[in-house]
Amino acid sequence: MLAEQVYTLCKHIPKGKVTTYKEIAKALNIKAYQAVGQALRKNPYAPHVPCHRVVSSTGNLHGFKGEREGKALEEKKMLLEQEGVQVEKDRVNLKKYLHTF
């Protein structure tokens, strides 16, 4: 099942790093970036599966818990910053923080 494969990969993103929906899809040899996002939206294993460490391919926080703004996005930002990831204007510098598989 795709969702379980996504969760397995997501568990390997280290603290202080992020990856993208595209990187996860690439590691799974698919192009279904949105399907990756949908799986993470429904992540039943949080925080053991750290879906807050997944951002868009531009570095934008993009979404969290199915929300694209407001309290959920602020929570994602807070979680990343607690792990040492700098977030500026809801964006992460991928050159500095990107984890690839």
Protein backbone atom coordinates (compact mmCIF):
# COMPACT_ATOMS: atom_id res chain seq x y z
CA MET A 1 0.00 0.00 0.00
CA LEU A 2 1.36 3.41 -1.02
CA ALA A 3 0.56 5.10 2.29
CA GLU A 4 2.60 2.58 4.29
CA GLN A 5 5.55 3.03 1.92
CA VAL A 6 5.31 6.80 2.38
CA TYR A 7 5.23 6.43 6.18
CA THR A 8 8.24 4.11 6.12
CA LEU A 9 10.30 6.64 4.15
CA CYS A 10 9.10 9.54 6.27
CA LYS A 11 10.43 7.82 9.42
CA HIS A 12 13.93 8.15 7.95
CA ILE A 13 13.91 11.95 7.69
CA PRO A 14 16.29 13.05 10.44
CA LYS A 15 15.57 15.82 12.93
CA GLY A 16 16.81 19.13 11.59
CA LYS A 17 16.08 18.15 7.97
CA VAL A 18 13.09 18.21 5.64
CA THR A 19 12.22 16.46 2.42
CA THR A 20 9.63 17.14 -0.25
CA TYR A 21 6.58 15.33 -1.55
CA LYS A 22 8.47 15.06 -4.84
CA GLU A 23 11.54 13.45 -3.19
CA ILE A 24 9.36 10.86 -1.51
CA ALA A 25 7.58 10.11 -4.79
CA LYS A 26 10.93 9.87 -6.59
CA ALA A 27 12.23 7.41 -3.98
CA LEU A 28 9.11 5.30 -4.56
CA ASN A 29 9.60 5.52 -8.33
CA ILE A 30 6.25 7.26 -8.88
CA LYS A 31 5.15 10.75 -9.92
CA ALA A 32 2.08 10.91 -7.71
CA TYR A 33 3.19 13.82 -5.51
CA GLN A 34 -0.39 14.60 -4.53
CA ALA A 35 -0.96 11.00 -3.45
CA VAL A 36 2.07 11.33 -1.17
CA GLY A 37 0.50 14.46 0.32
CA GLN A 38 -2.84 12.73 0.82
CA ALA A 39 -1.16 9.83 2.62
CA LEU A 40 0.66 12.23 4.94
CA ARG A 41 -2.53 14.19 5.53
CA LYS A 42 -4.03 11.02 7.00
CA ASN A 43 -0.89 9.95 8.89
CA PRO A 44 -2.14 7.82 11.81
CA TYR A 45 1.37 7.40 13.24
CA ALA A 46 2.27 11.00 14.06
CA PRO A 47 4.59 11.98 15.66
CA HIS A 48 6.45 8.66 15.22
CA VAL A 49 6.16 9.29 11.47
CA PRO A 50 7.27 12.95 11.30
CA CYS A 51 5.10 14.24 8.46
CA HIS A 52 5.81 17.81 9.60
CA ARG A 53 9.25 17.36 7.98
CA VAL A 54 7.75 17.23 4.47
CA VAL A 55 7.46 20.47 2.49
CA SER A 56 6.75 21.45 -1.10
CA SER A 57 9.49 21.31 -3.74
CA THR A 58 9.84 25.09 -3.42
CA GLY A 59 10.46 24.82 0.32
CA ASN A 60 7.03 26.20 1.27
CA LEU A 61 5.46 24.63 4.32
CA HIS A 62 2.43 23.98 2.07
CA GLY A 63 0.17 22.23 4.55
CA PHE A 64 -0.20 20.27 7.75
CA LYS A 65 -3.05 18.16 9.10
CA GLY A 66 -4.99 18.89 5.92
CA GLU A 67 -4.79 22.66 6.42
CA ARG A 68 -2.89 25.20 4.33
CA GLU A 69 -3.00 28.11 6.73
CA GLY A 70 -3.73 29.11 10.27
CA LYS A 71 -3.07 27.19 13.46
CA ALA A 72 -1.96 23.94 11.81
CA LEU A 73 0.68 25.66 9.68
CA GLU A 74 1.93 27.57 12.72
CA GLU A 75 2.25 24.22 14.54
CA LYS A 76 4.29 22.77 11.65
CA LYS A 77 6.56 25.82 11.71
CA MET A 78 7.02 25.51 15.48
CA LEU A 79 7.86 21.79 15.26
CA LEU A 80 10.46 22.41 12.56
CA GLU A 81 12.03 25.31 14.43
CA GLN A 82 12.23 23.20 17.62
CA GLU A 83 14.30 20.74 15.58
CA GLY A 84 16.66 23.46 14.35
CA VAL A 85 15.13 24.15 10.92
CA GLN A 86 14.89 27.86 10.16
CA VAL A 87 11.57 28.87 8.61
CA GLU A 88 11.32 32.31 7.01
CA LYS A 89 8.04 33.53 5.52
CA ASP A 90 6.67 29.96 5.72
CA ARG A 91 9.56 28.67 3.62
CA VAL A 92 12.54 26.40 4.33
CA ASN A 93 15.90 26.77 2.57
CA LEU A 94 16.17 23.44 0.77
CA LYS A 95 19.84 23.97 -0.08
CA LYS A 96 20.54 23.88 3.64
CA TYR A 97 17.94 21.46 5.05
CA LEU A 98 16.94 19.02 2.27
CA HIS A 99 17.15 15.30 3.01
CA THR A 100 17.16 13.00 -0.01
CA PHE A 101 16.74 9.24 -0.07
